[in-house]
Amino acid sequence: MTTPAEALASWQPQRYAAVRRAVRTGDLAICSGNQMFSRAIQWATKSQWSHIAMIVRLEELDRVMVLEAVQKIGVRCVPLSRWVTDFQPRHKPFNGKVVIARHDQVARATQDQMRRMSGFATGQLGCPFDAAELAKIALRIGLARFGVRLPHMIQPNDEYFCSEYLDECYQRLGVKIPWDGRGFIAPSDFARAPHVQAVMRVSRFPFRTGAIQDDE
């Protein structure tokens, strides 16, 4: 089994067509970013991981979507083809590296379990973040650095950090990601979970033609 960290370090990135063929509903897009907010997450968790999102295939519409919780926006759903090229800032690829990973228990989930998870995941779409909610998230991030357990008043309700949102989704499948209960459940907790393995690394320039380049 290859861990996301090993894939990030050594695997050749893949273009969009290969990624689209390979991904399944429930797969994780685990990100190692270079922006200021990403650096704060990495600092708080003492890891290289800063963001996480979930893949959903809509076979009847021939679409592959990405569900995620994003600061200043909230919970959103965007096509994978747009997500890999138009992140933040707009019209720019994600400033960092992305690994697709799969939890083996999620891969074996029944249709009923997937419907339950999908119902919850889509029910959170559009949950807005206001300044107070962002402050609570920032406080959870800061507490994580120092290993402080969460006071009830700053625990998440519907103002999710990215990995908190996915943890709630996975709980609907009966999947629990191990973490120590301090600060917040982080992208790094998903990346090092024992049943999560890497599927592929995503190119920063997924629609570029020709040979894979070093800057991808």
N, C-alpha and C. Protein backbone atom coordinates (compact mmCIF):
# COMPACT_ATOMS: atom_id res chain seq x y z
N MET A 1 0.84 -1.19 0.00
CA MET A 1 0.00 0.00 0.00
C MET A 1 0.88 1.25 0.00
N THR A 2 0.60 2.16 -0.91
CA THR A 2 1.35 3.42 -0.98
C THR A 2 0.58 4.52 -0.26
N THR A 3 1.22 5.19 0.68
CA THR A 3 0.57 6.27 1.41
C THR A 3 0.55 7.53 0.55
N PRO A 4 -0.38 8.46 0.83
CA PRO A 4 -0.38 9.73 0.10
C PRO A 4 0.95 10.46 0.17
N ALA A 5 1.62 10.41 1.32
CA ALA A 5 2.91 11.11 1.45
C ALA A 5 3.95 10.52 0.52
N GLU A 6 3.97 9.19 0.39
CA GLU A 6 4.92 8.54 -0.52
C GLU A 6 4.61 8.89 -1.97
N ALA A 7 3.32 8.93 -2.30
CA ALA A 7 2.92 9.29 -3.67
C ALA A 7 3.30 10.72 -3.99
N LEU A 8 3.12 11.61 -3.02
CA LEU A 8 3.46 13.02 -3.23
C LEU A 8 4.94 13.17 -3.53
N ALA A 9 5.75 12.37 -2.87
CA ALA A 9 7.20 12.51 -3.00
C ALA A 9 7.76 11.86 -4.25
N SER A 10 7.12 10.79 -4.74
CA SER A 10 7.79 10.00 -5.77
C SER A 10 6.98 9.67 -7.02
N TRP A 11 5.66 9.82 -6.98
CA TRP A 11 4.87 9.43 -8.15
C TRP A 11 4.84 10.52 -9.20
N GLN A 12 4.79 10.09 -10.46
CA GLN A 12 4.66 11.04 -11.55
C GLN A 12 3.22 11.55 -11.61
N PRO A 13 3.02 12.86 -11.75
CA PRO A 13 1.65 13.39 -11.83
C PRO A 13 0.94 12.94 -13.10
N GLN A 14 -0.39 12.87 -13.02
CA GLN A 14 -1.20 12.42 -14.15
C GLN A 14 -2.11 13.54 -14.64
N ARG A 15 -2.38 13.52 -15.93
CA ARG A 15 -3.26 14.51 -16.55
C ARG A 15 -4.73 14.19 -16.26
N TYR A 16 -5.58 15.14 -16.64
CA TYR A 16 -6.99 15.08 -16.27
C TYR A 16 -7.68 13.81 -16.75
N ALA A 17 -7.47 13.41 -17.99
CA ALA A 17 -8.19 12.26 -18.54
C ALA A 17 -7.94 11.00 -17.71
N ALA A 18 -6.69 10.80 -17.30
CA ALA A 18 -6.36 9.63 -16.49
C ALA A 18 -6.99 9.73 -15.11
N VAL A 19 -6.99 10.92 -14.54
CA VAL A 19 -7.59 11.12 -13.22
C VAL A 19 -9.09 10.85 -13.28
N ARG A 20 -9.74 11.39 -14.29
CA ARG A 20 -11.19 11.24 -14.41
C ARG A 20 -11.59 9.78 -14.54
N ARG A 21 -10.82 9.01 -15.29
CA ARG A 21 -11.12 7.58 -15.46
C ARG A 21 -10.98 6.82 -14.15
N ALA A 22 -10.04 7.22 -13.33
CA ALA A 22 -9.67 6.42 -12.16
C ALA A 22 -10.50 6.69 -10.92
N VAL A 23 -11.02 7.91 -10.77
CA VAL A 23 -11.64 8.28 -9.49
C VAL A 23 -13.00 7.63 -9.30
N ARG A 24 -13.36 7.44 -8.02
CA ARG A 24 -14.65 6.88 -7.63
C ARG A 24 -15.30 7.80 -6.59
N THR A 25 -16.60 7.64 -6.44
CA THR A 25 -17.30 8.39 -5.40
C THR A 25 -16.72 8.04 -4.03
N GLY A 26 -16.45 9.08 -3.25
CA GLY A 26 -15.86 8.89 -1.93
C GLY A 26 -14.36 9.01 -1.89
N ASP A 27 -13.72 9.05 -3.07
CA ASP A 27 -12.27 9.26 -3.10
C ASP A 27 -11.92 10.63 -2.53
N LEU A 28 -10.71 10.74 -2.05
CA LEU A 28 -10.22 11.98 -1.43
C LEU A 28 -9.22 12.67 -2.34
N ALA A 29 -9.32 13.99 -2.43
CA ALA A 29 -8.28 14.80 -3.05
C ALA A 29 -7.55 15.51 -1.91
N ILE A 30 -6.35 15.03 -1.60
CA ILE A 30 -5.59 15.56 -0.46
C ILE A 30 -4.51 16.49 -1.00
N CYS A 31 -4.48 17.71 -0.47
CA CYS A 31 -3.69 18.78 -1.07
C CYS A 31 -2.58 19.27 -0.14
N SER A 32 -1.46 19.62 -0.77
CA SER A 32 -0.34 20.25 -0.07
C SER A 32 -0.12 21.60 -0.73
N GLY A 33 -0.64 22.66 -0.10
CA GLY A 33 -0.65 23.97 -0.74
C GLY A 33 0.46 24.88 -0.28
N ASN A 34 0.61 25.99 -1.02
CA ASN A 34 1.66 26.97 -0.75
C ASN A 34 1.13 28.34 -0.33
N GLN A 35 -0.21 28.50 -0.29
CA GLN A 35 -0.77 29.80 0.07
C GLN A 35 -0.73 30.03 1.58
N MET A 36 -1.01 31.26 2.00
CA MET A 36 -0.89 31.62 3.41
C MET A 36 -1.77 30.74 4.31
N PHE A 37 -3.04 30.56 3.92
CA PHE A 37 -3.94 29.75 4.74
C PHE A 37 -3.45 28.31 4.79
N SER A 38 -2.93 27.80 3.64
CA SER A 38 -2.38 26.45 3.60
C SER A 38 -1.21 26.32 4.56
N ARG A 39 -0.35 27.32 4.57
CA ARG A 39 0.81 27.30 5.47
C ARG A 39 0.37 27.27 6.94
N ALA A 40 -0.73 27.97 7.24
CA ALA A 40 -1.23 27.96 8.62
C ALA A 40 -1.68 26.56 9.03
N ILE A 41 -2.35 25.86 8.12
CA ILE A 41 -2.79 24.50 8.42
C ILE A 41 -1.58 23.60 8.61
N GLN A 42 -0.60 23.72 7.74
CA GLN A 42 0.60 22.90 7.85
C GLN A 42 1.34 23.18 9.15
N TRP A 43 1.38 24.44 9.54
CA TRP A 43 2.02 24.81 10.80
C TRP A 43 1.28 24.20 11.98
N ALA A 44 -0.05 24.30 11.96
CA ALA A 44 -0.85 23.81 13.07
C ALA A 44 -0.76 22.30 13.22
N THR A 45 -0.68 21.60 12.11
CA THR A 45 -0.71 20.13 12.14
C THR A 45 0.66 19.50 12.00
N LYS A 46 1.69 20.32 11.81
CA LYS A 46 3.06 19.82 11.66
C LYS A 46 3.14 18.77 10.55
N SER A 47 2.51 19.11 9.43
CA SER A 47 2.46 18.18 8.30
C SER A 47 2.53 18.96 7.00
N GLN A 48 2.62 18.25 5.89
CA GLN A 48 2.65 18.89 4.58
C GLN A 48 1.26 19.09 3.99
N TRP A 49 0.22 18.55 4.64
CA TRP A 49 -1.12 18.58 4.07
C TRP A 49 -1.90 19.79 4.57
N SER A 50 -2.69 20.39 3.66
CA SER A 50 -3.37 21.64 4.01
C SER A 50 -4.85 21.68 3.63
N HIS A 51 -5.32 20.79 2.78
CA HIS A 51 -6.72 20.84 2.33
C HIS A 51 -7.12 19.45 1.88
N ILE A 52 -8.43 19.20 1.93
CA ILE A 52 -8.94 17.92 1.48
C ILE A 52 -10.34 18.11 0.92
N ALA A 53 -10.66 17.36 -0.13
CA ALA A 53 -11.97 17.42 -0.78
C ALA A 53 -12.39 15.99 -1.13
N MET A 54 -13.64 15.83 -1.56
CA MET A 54 -14.16 14.50 -1.88
C MET A 54 -14.72 14.46 -3.30
N ILE A 55 -14.46 13.36 -3.97
CA ILE A 55 -14.95 13.15 -5.33
C ILE A 55 -16.32 12.49 -5.31
N VAL A 56 -17.20 12.92 -6.20
CA VAL A 56 -18.50 12.28 -6.41
C VAL A 56 -18.71 12.11 -7.91
N ARG A 57 -18.97 10.88 -8.32
CA ARG A 57 -19.28 10.61 -9.73
C ARG A 57 -20.80 10.62 -9.92
N LEU A 58 -21.26 11.38 -10.90
CA LEU A 58 -22.67 11.41 -11.28
C LEU A 58 -22.78 10.72 -12.63
N GLU A 59 -22.88 9.40 -12.60
CA GLU A 59 -22.81 8.62 -13.84
C GLU A 59 -23.95 8.97 -14.79
N GLU A 60 -25.15 9.23 -14.23
CA GLU A 60 -26.29 9.52 -15.10
C GLU A 60 -26.12 10.83 -15.85
N LEU A 61 -25.28 11.72 -15.34
CA LEU A 61 -25.00 13.00 -15.99
C LEU A 61 -23.63 13.03 -16.65
N ASP A 62 -22.88 11.94 -16.53
CA ASP A 62 -21.52 11.87 -17.05
C ASP A 62 -20.67 13.02 -16.51
N ARG A 63 -20.76 13.22 -15.20
CA ARG A 63 -20.01 14.29 -14.55
C ARG A 63 -19.24 13.74 -13.35
N VAL A 64 -18.07 14.33 -13.12
CA VAL A 64 -17.30 14.05 -11.92
C VAL A 64 -17.19 15.36 -11.15
N MET A 65 -17.67 15.36 -9.91
CA MET A 65 -17.75 16.57 -9.12
C MET A 65 -16.83 16.50 -7.90
N VAL A 66 -16.52 17.67 -7.36
CA VAL A 66 -15.72 17.77 -6.15
C VAL A 66 -16.54 18.51 -5.09
N LEU A 67 -16.69 17.89 -3.93
CA LEU A 67 -17.36 18.51 -2.78
C LEU A 67 -16.30 18.92 -1.77
N GLU A 68 -16.41 20.14 -1.26
CA GLU A 68 -15.40 20.62 -0.31
C GLU A 68 -15.96 21.79 0.49
N ALA A 69 -15.32 22.04 1.62
CA ALA A 69 -15.59 23.24 2.41
C ALA A 69 -14.39 24.17 2.26
N VAL A 70 -14.65 25.39 1.79
CA VAL A 70 -13.59 26.34 1.47
C VAL A 70 -13.79 27.61 2.29
N GLN A 71 -12.71 28.12 2.86
CA GLN A 71 -12.79 29.34 3.66
C GLN A 71 -13.35 30.49 2.83
N LYS A 72 -14.16 31.34 3.45
CA LYS A 72 -14.81 32.51 2.86
C LYS A 72 -15.94 32.15 1.90
N ILE A 73 -16.07 30.88 1.53
CA ILE A 73 -17.14 30.45 0.62
C ILE A 73 -18.11 29.53 1.34
N GLY A 74 -17.60 28.51 2.01
CA GLY A 74 -18.43 27.51 2.64
C GLY A 74 -18.38 26.21 1.86
N VAL A 75 -19.44 25.42 1.98
CA VAL A 75 -19.48 24.12 1.31
C VAL A 75 -19.93 24.32 -0.13
N ARG A 76 -19.18 23.78 -1.05
CA ARG A 76 -19.51 23.96 -2.47
C ARG A 76 -19.28 22.66 -3.23
N CYS A 77 -19.83 22.62 -4.45
CA CYS A 77 -19.68 21.48 -5.36
C CYS A 77 -19.31 22.04 -6.72
N VAL A 78 -18.17 21.61 -7.26
CA VAL A 78 -17.71 22.10 -8.56
C VAL A 78 -17.26 20.91 -9.41
N PRO A 79 -17.35 21.02 -10.74
CA PRO A 79 -16.84 19.95 -11.59
C PRO A 79 -15.34 19.74 -11.39
N LEU A 80 -14.91 18.49 -11.43
CA LEU A 80 -13.49 18.20 -11.30
C LEU A 80 -12.67 18.94 -12.34
N SER A 81 -13.20 19.03 -13.57
CA SER A 81 -12.46 19.71 -14.64
C SER A 81 -12.20 21.17 -14.32
N ARG A 82 -13.13 21.79 -13.60
CA ARG A 82 -12.92 23.18 -13.18
C ARG A 82 -12.04 23.26 -11.94
N TRP A 83 -12.25 22.33 -11.02
CA TRP A 83 -11.51 22.35 -9.76
C TRP A 83 -10.00 22.28 -9.98
N VAL A 84 -9.56 21.50 -10.96
CA VAL A 84 -8.12 21.33 -11.18
C VAL A 84 -7.49 22.50 -11.92
N THR A 85 -8.29 23.41 -12.46
CA THR A 85 -7.73 24.52 -13.23
C THR A 85 -8.13 25.90 -12.71
N ASP A 86 -9.15 25.97 -11.86
CA ASP A 86 -9.73 27.26 -11.47
C ASP A 86 -9.99 27.25 -9.98
N PHE A 87 -8.92 27.21 -9.20
CA PHE A 87 -9.05 27.08 -7.76
C PHE A 87 -9.14 28.46 -7.13
N GLN A 88 -8.23 28.82 -6.26
CA GLN A 88 -8.18 30.15 -5.66
C GLN A 88 -6.75 30.65 -5.69
N PRO A 89 -6.41 31.76 -6.32
CA PRO A 89 -7.31 32.69 -6.99
C PRO A 89 -7.91 32.08 -8.25
N ARG A 90 -8.95 32.71 -8.73
CA ARG A 90 -9.66 32.18 -9.89
C ARG A 90 -8.77 32.16 -11.12
N HIS A 91 -9.09 31.20 -11.99
CA HIS A 91 -8.40 31.02 -13.27
C HIS A 91 -6.95 30.62 -13.08
N LYS A 92 -6.62 30.09 -11.91
CA LYS A 92 -5.28 29.59 -11.65
C LYS A 92 -5.38 28.15 -11.14
N PRO A 93 -4.41 27.29 -11.50
CA PRO A 93 -4.42 25.95 -10.92
C PRO A 93 -4.12 26.01 -9.43
N PHE A 94 -4.41 24.94 -8.72
CA PHE A 94 -4.11 24.88 -7.30
C PHE A 94 -2.61 25.12 -7.08
N ASN A 95 -2.29 26.02 -6.16
CA ASN A 95 -0.90 26.38 -5.89
C ASN A 95 -0.30 25.36 -4.93
N GLY A 96 0.06 24.21 -5.47
CA GLY A 96 0.60 23.13 -4.66
C GLY A 96 0.45 21.80 -5.37
N LYS A 97 0.39 20.74 -4.59
CA LYS A 97 0.31 19.39 -5.15
C LYS A 97 -0.92 18.67 -4.60
N VAL A 98 -1.47 17.77 -5.42
CA VAL A 98 -2.70 17.05 -5.05
C VAL A 98 -2.50 15.55 -5.28
N VAL A 99 -2.91 14.76 -4.30
CA VAL A 99 -2.90 13.31 -4.41
C VAL A 99 -4.33 12.80 -4.25
N ILE A 100 -4.77 11.93 -5.15
CA ILE A 100 -6.05 11.24 -5.01
C ILE A 100 -5.81 10.00 -4.16
N ALA A 101 -6.65 9.81 -3.15
CA ALA A 101 -6.49 8.66 -2.25
C ALA A 101 -7.85 8.00 -2.04
N ARG A 102 -7.80 6.76 -1.55
CA ARG A 102 -9.04 5.98 -1.40
C ARG A 102 -9.02 5.23 -0.07
N HIS A 103 -10.13 5.32 0.65
CA HIS A 103 -10.31 4.56 1.89
C HIS A 103 -10.96 3.23 1.53
N ASP A 104 -10.35 2.12 1.92
CA ASP A 104 -10.86 0.83 1.43
C ASP A 104 -12.25 0.51 1.96
N GLN A 105 -12.63 1.02 3.12
CA GLN A 105 -13.98 0.79 3.62
C GLN A 105 -15.00 1.60 2.83
N VAL A 106 -14.64 2.80 2.42
CA VAL A 106 -15.52 3.61 1.57
C VAL A 106 -15.70 2.94 0.22
N ALA A 107 -14.63 2.37 -0.30
CA ALA A 107 -14.70 1.70 -1.60
C ALA A 107 -15.66 0.51 -1.58
N ARG A 108 -15.90 -0.06 -0.39
CA ARG A 108 -16.80 -1.22 -0.27
C ARG A 108 -18.20 -0.83 0.20
N ALA A 109 -18.48 0.45 0.31
CA ALA A 109 -19.77 0.90 0.83
C ALA A 109 -20.92 0.46 -0.07
N THR A 110 -22.08 0.18 0.54
CA THR A 110 -23.26 -0.21 -0.23
C THR A 110 -23.92 1.02 -0.84
N GLN A 111 -24.85 0.78 -1.76
CA GLN A 111 -25.58 1.89 -2.37
C GLN A 111 -26.38 2.67 -1.33
N ASP A 112 -26.99 1.96 -0.38
CA ASP A 112 -27.74 2.65 0.67
C ASP A 112 -26.83 3.54 1.50
N GLN A 113 -25.66 3.06 1.84
CA GLN A 113 -24.71 3.87 2.60
C GLN A 113 -24.28 5.10 1.80
N MET A 114 -24.03 4.91 0.51
CA MET A 114 -23.62 6.04 -0.33
C MET A 114 -24.73 7.07 -0.44
N ARG A 115 -25.98 6.61 -0.53
CA ARG A 115 -27.10 7.55 -0.58
C ARG A 115 -27.21 8.35 0.71
N ARG A 116 -26.99 7.69 1.83
CA ARG A 116 -27.05 8.38 3.11
C ARG A 116 -25.94 9.43 3.20
N MET A 117 -24.74 9.06 2.80
CA MET A 117 -23.65 10.02 2.82
C MET A 117 -23.90 11.17 1.85
N SER A 118 -24.36 10.84 0.64
CA SER A 118 -24.60 11.87 -0.37
C SER A 118 -25.69 12.83 0.07
N GLY A 119 -26.72 12.30 0.74
CA GLY A 119 -27.78 13.16 1.23
C GLY A 119 -27.27 14.17 2.24
N PHE A 120 -26.42 13.71 3.15
CA PHE A 120 -25.84 14.65 4.11
C PHE A 120 -24.92 15.64 3.41
N ALA A 121 -24.04 15.13 2.55
CA ALA A 121 -23.03 15.99 1.91
C ALA A 121 -23.68 17.10 1.10
N THR A 122 -24.70 16.76 0.31
CA THR A 122 -25.35 17.78 -0.51
C THR A 122 -26.25 18.68 0.33
N GLY A 123 -26.74 18.17 1.46
CA GLY A 123 -27.56 19.00 2.33
C GLY A 123 -26.80 20.15 2.97
N GLN A 124 -25.47 20.06 2.98
CA GLN A 124 -24.66 21.14 3.55
C GLN A 124 -24.24 22.18 2.50
N LEU A 125 -24.56 21.93 1.24
CA LEU A 125 -24.14 22.86 0.19
C LEU A 125 -24.68 24.26 0.45
N GLY A 126 -23.82 25.24 0.27
CA GLY A 126 -24.22 26.63 0.44
C GLY A 126 -24.16 27.14 1.86
N CYS A 127 -23.79 26.28 2.82
CA CYS A 127 -23.65 26.78 4.19
C CYS A 127 -22.61 27.89 4.20
N PRO A 128 -23.02 29.14 4.49
CA PRO A 128 -22.07 30.25 4.40
C PRO A 128 -21.20 30.35 5.63
N PHE A 129 -20.04 30.96 5.45
CA PHE A 129 -19.16 31.27 6.57
C PHE A 129 -19.22 32.77 6.82
N ASP A 130 -19.50 33.18 8.06
CA ASP A 130 -19.39 34.60 8.38
C ASP A 130 -18.12 34.81 9.20
N ALA A 131 -17.85 36.04 9.58
CA ALA A 131 -16.59 36.35 10.25
C ALA A 131 -16.45 35.59 11.57
N ALA A 132 -17.54 35.47 12.32
CA ALA A 132 -17.47 34.78 13.60
C ALA A 132 -17.15 33.31 13.42
N GLU A 133 -17.75 32.70 12.39
CA GLU A 133 -17.48 31.29 12.13
C GLU A 133 -16.04 31.08 11.72
N LEU A 134 -15.52 31.97 10.87
CA LEU A 134 -14.12 31.88 10.46
C LEU A 134 -13.20 32.04 11.66
N ALA A 135 -13.58 32.90 12.59
CA ALA A 135 -12.77 33.09 13.80
C ALA A 135 -12.73 31.80 14.62
N LYS A 136 -13.86 31.11 14.71
CA LYS A 136 -13.89 29.84 15.44
C LYS A 136 -12.99 28.81 14.77
N ILE A 137 -13.03 28.76 13.44
CA ILE A 137 -12.17 27.83 12.72
C ILE A 137 -10.71 28.17 12.95
N ALA A 138 -10.39 29.46 12.89
CA ALA A 138 -9.01 29.88 13.13
C ALA A 138 -8.55 29.49 14.53
N LEU A 139 -9.46 29.60 15.51
CA LEU A 139 -9.11 29.22 16.87
C LEU A 139 -8.87 27.72 16.98
N ARG A 140 -9.68 26.92 16.29
CA ARG A 140 -9.46 25.48 16.31
C ARG A 140 -8.11 25.14 15.70
N ILE A 141 -7.74 25.85 14.62
CA ILE A 141 -6.44 25.62 13.99
C ILE A 141 -5.31 25.94 14.97
N GLY A 142 -5.44 27.09 15.65
CA GLY A 142 -4.41 27.47 16.60
C GLY A 142 -4.29 26.50 17.76
N LEU A 143 -5.43 26.02 18.28
CA LEU A 143 -5.40 25.07 19.38
C LEU A 143 -4.76 23.76 18.97
N ALA A 144 -4.91 23.39 17.70
CA ALA A 144 -4.32 22.14 17.23
C ALA A 144 -2.82 22.14 17.40
N ARG A 145 -2.19 23.28 17.15
CA ARG A 145 -0.73 23.37 17.25
C ARG A 145 -0.25 23.02 18.65
N PHE A 146 -1.04 23.37 19.65
CA PHE A 146 -0.61 23.19 21.03
C PHE A 146 -1.31 22.01 21.71
N GLY A 147 -2.02 21.20 20.91
CA GLY A 147 -2.61 19.98 21.44
C GLY A 147 -3.71 20.19 22.44
N VAL A 148 -4.48 21.27 22.30
CA VAL A 148 -5.56 21.58 23.24
C VAL A 148 -6.85 20.94 22.76
N ARG A 149 -7.56 20.29 23.66
CA ARG A 149 -8.86 19.71 23.29
C ARG A 149 -9.89 20.82 23.09
N LEU A 150 -10.83 20.56 22.19
CA LEU A 150 -11.79 21.59 21.80
C LEU A 150 -12.79 21.91 22.91
N PRO A 151 -12.89 23.17 23.34
CA PRO A 151 -14.03 23.57 24.17
C PRO A 151 -15.32 23.43 23.37
N HIS A 152 -16.41 23.10 24.05
CA HIS A 152 -17.67 22.88 23.34
C HIS A 152 -18.08 24.10 22.52
N MET A 153 -17.80 25.30 23.01
CA MET A 153 -18.28 26.51 22.34
C MET A 153 -17.66 26.74 20.97
N ILE A 154 -16.51 26.11 20.67
CA ILE A 154 -15.91 26.32 19.35
C ILE A 154 -15.90 25.05 18.52
N GLN A 155 -16.64 24.02 18.96
CA GLN A 155 -16.75 22.83 18.13
C GLN A 155 -17.61 23.16 16.90
N PRO A 156 -17.36 22.45 15.77
CA PRO A 156 -18.10 22.77 14.54
C PRO A 156 -19.57 22.38 14.63
N ASN A 157 -20.45 23.19 14.03
CA ASN A 157 -21.82 22.76 13.82
C ASN A 157 -22.05 22.70 12.32
N ASP A 158 -22.22 23.85 11.66
CA ASP A 158 -22.29 23.82 10.20
C ASP A 158 -21.27 24.78 9.58
N GLU A 159 -20.25 25.17 10.37
CA GLU A 159 -19.22 26.05 9.83
C GLU A 159 -17.93 25.24 9.71
N TYR A 160 -17.95 24.29 8.79
CA TYR A 160 -16.90 23.28 8.72
C TYR A 160 -15.58 23.79 8.16
N PHE A 161 -14.51 23.30 8.75
CA PHE A 161 -13.22 23.28 8.08
C PHE A 161 -13.27 22.09 7.12
N CYS A 162 -12.42 22.09 6.09
CA CYS A 162 -12.54 21.09 5.02
C CYS A 162 -12.58 19.65 5.53
N SER A 163 -11.65 19.30 6.42
CA SER A 163 -11.57 17.92 6.90
C SER A 163 -12.68 17.60 7.90
N GLU A 164 -13.20 18.61 8.60
CA GLU A 164 -14.34 18.38 9.48
C GLU A 164 -15.57 18.01 8.66
N TYR A 165 -15.76 18.67 7.55
CA TYR A 165 -16.88 18.36 6.65
C TYR A 165 -16.77 16.93 6.14
N LEU A 166 -15.59 16.52 5.68
CA LEU A 166 -15.43 15.17 5.15
C LEU A 166 -15.55 14.12 6.25
N ASP A 167 -15.11 14.45 7.44
CA ASP A 167 -15.27 13.52 8.56
C ASP A 167 -16.75 13.26 8.81
N GLU A 168 -17.57 14.31 8.77
CA GLU A 168 -19.01 14.14 8.95
C GLU A 168 -19.60 13.29 7.82
N CYS A 169 -19.12 13.51 6.60
CA CYS A 169 -19.59 12.69 5.47
C CYS A 169 -19.24 11.22 5.68
N TYR A 170 -18.00 10.96 6.04
CA TYR A 170 -17.55 9.58 6.23
C TYR A 170 -18.27 8.91 7.40
N GLN A 171 -18.63 9.67 8.41
CA GLN A 171 -19.35 9.07 9.54
C GLN A 171 -20.69 8.50 9.09
N ARG A 172 -21.28 9.07 8.05
CA ARG A 172 -22.54 8.53 7.51
C ARG A 172 -22.34 7.17 6.86
N LEU A 173 -21.09 6.81 6.57
CA LEU A 173 -20.76 5.48 6.04
C LEU A 173 -20.28 4.55 7.14
N GLY A 174 -20.26 5.04 8.37
CA GLY A 174 -19.72 4.24 9.46
C GLY A 174 -18.21 4.20 9.47
N VAL A 175 -17.57 5.15 8.80
CA VAL A 175 -16.11 5.21 8.72
C VAL A 175 -15.60 6.27 9.69
N LYS A 176 -14.69 5.88 10.55
CA LYS A 176 -14.11 6.81 11.51
C LYS A 176 -12.63 6.99 11.20
N ILE A 177 -12.22 8.24 11.02
CA ILE A 177 -10.82 8.57 10.79
C ILE A 177 -10.17 8.81 12.15
N PRO A 178 -9.12 8.08 12.49
CA PRO A 178 -8.50 8.26 13.81
C PRO A 178 -7.88 9.64 13.97
N TRP A 179 -8.15 10.25 15.11
CA TRP A 179 -7.46 11.48 15.48
C TRP A 179 -7.54 11.63 17.00
N ASP A 180 -6.75 12.52 17.57
CA ASP A 180 -6.61 12.56 19.02
C ASP A 180 -7.60 13.48 19.73
N GLY A 181 -8.49 14.12 19.00
CA GLY A 181 -9.49 14.98 19.62
C GLY A 181 -8.98 16.35 20.02
N ARG A 182 -7.76 16.67 19.64
CA ARG A 182 -7.17 17.96 20.00
C ARG A 182 -7.22 18.89 18.79
N GLY A 183 -7.58 20.14 19.02
CA GLY A 183 -7.62 21.11 17.93
C GLY A 183 -8.73 20.80 16.95
N PHE A 184 -8.42 20.11 15.87
CA PHE A 184 -9.43 19.73 14.88
C PHE A 184 -8.94 18.53 14.09
N ILE A 185 -9.86 17.75 13.54
CA ILE A 185 -9.46 16.68 12.65
C ILE A 185 -8.95 17.33 11.37
N ALA A 186 -7.79 16.92 10.92
CA ALA A 186 -7.06 17.65 9.88
C ALA A 186 -6.89 16.81 8.63
N PRO A 187 -6.56 17.46 7.49
CA PRO A 187 -6.23 16.69 6.29
C PRO A 187 -5.16 15.64 6.54
N SER A 188 -4.20 15.95 7.40
CA SER A 188 -3.13 15.00 7.69
C SER A 188 -3.65 13.74 8.39
N ASP A 189 -4.75 13.86 9.15
CA ASP A 189 -5.33 12.67 9.79
C ASP A 189 -5.88 11.71 8.74
N PHE A 190 -6.50 12.25 7.71
CA PHE A 190 -6.97 11.42 6.60
C PHE A 190 -5.78 10.79 5.88
N ALA A 191 -4.75 11.59 5.61
CA ALA A 191 -3.61 11.12 4.83
C ALA A 191 -2.87 9.97 5.49
N ARG A 192 -2.84 9.96 6.83
CA ARG A 192 -2.11 8.89 7.51
C ARG A 192 -3.02 7.81 8.09
N ALA A 193 -4.32 7.88 7.83
CA ALA A 193 -5.23 6.85 8.31
C ALA A 193 -4.84 5.49 7.73
N PRO A 194 -4.90 4.42 8.51
CA PRO A 194 -4.36 3.13 8.07
C PRO A 194 -5.05 2.52 6.87
N HIS A 195 -6.30 2.87 6.59
CA HIS A 195 -7.01 2.27 5.47
C HIS A 195 -7.07 3.19 4.25
N VAL A 196 -6.31 4.26 4.26
CA VAL A 196 -6.27 5.20 3.13
C VAL A 196 -5.00 4.96 2.33
N GLN A 197 -5.15 4.74 1.03
CA GLN A 197 -3.99 4.55 0.18
C GLN A 197 -4.08 5.45 -1.05
N ALA A 198 -2.92 5.81 -1.56
CA ALA A 198 -2.85 6.70 -2.72
C ALA A 198 -3.32 5.99 -3.98
N VAL A 199 -3.99 6.73 -4.85
CA VAL A 199 -4.42 6.23 -6.16
C VAL A 199 -3.56 6.84 -7.26
N MET A 200 -3.38 8.15 -7.21
CA MET A 200 -2.52 8.84 -8.18
C MET A 200 -2.25 10.27 -7.72
N ARG A 201 -1.25 10.86 -8.33
CA ARG A 201 -0.96 12.27 -8.10
C ARG A 201 -1.46 13.06 -9.31
N VAL A 202 -2.01 14.25 -9.07
CA VAL A 202 -2.64 15.04 -10.12
C VAL A 202 -1.68 16.12 -10.62
N SER A 203 -1.60 16.27 -11.93
CA SER A 203 -0.78 17.32 -12.53
C SER A 203 -1.36 18.70 -12.21
N ARG A 204 -0.49 19.68 -12.01
CA ARG A 204 -0.93 21.06 -11.82
C ARG A 204 -1.43 21.65 -13.14
N PHE A 205 -1.07 21.05 -14.24
CA PHE A 205 -1.49 21.52 -15.56
C PHE A 205 -2.16 20.35 -16.28
N PRO A 206 -3.37 19.99 -15.85
CA PRO A 206 -3.98 18.72 -16.25
C PRO A 206 -4.38 18.63 -17.70
N PHE A 207 -4.48 19.76 -18.41
CA PHE A 207 -4.88 19.72 -19.81
C PHE A 207 -3.72 20.05 -20.74
N ARG A 208 -2.53 20.15 -20.19
CA ARG A 208 -1.33 20.36 -21.02
C ARG A 208 -1.09 19.10 -21.85
N THR A 209 -0.62 19.27 -23.07
CA THR A 209 -0.32 18.14 -23.94
C THR A 209 1.17 17.86 -23.92
N GLY A 210 1.53 16.68 -24.40
CA GLY A 210 2.95 16.32 -24.45
C GLY A 210 3.40 15.62 -23.19
N ALA A 211 4.70 15.47 -23.08
CA ALA A 211 5.28 14.74 -21.96
C ALA A 211 5.08 15.49 -20.65
N ILE A 212 4.98 14.73 -19.55
CA ILE A 212 4.87 15.32 -18.22
C ILE A 212 6.15 16.10 -17.92
N GLN A 213 5.99 17.33 -17.42
CA GLN A 213 7.13 18.19 -17.13
C GLN A 213 7.44 18.20 -15.63
N ASP A 214 8.64 18.65 -15.28
CA ASP A 214 9.07 18.69 -13.88
C ASP A 214 8.22 19.63 -13.04
N ASP A 215 7.64 20.67 -13.66
CA ASP A 215 6.89 21.66 -12.88
C ASP A 215 5.46 21.23 -12.58
N GLU A 216 5.11 20.03 -12.94
CA GLU A 216 3.75 19.55 -12.71
C GLU A 216 3.63 18.81 -11.38
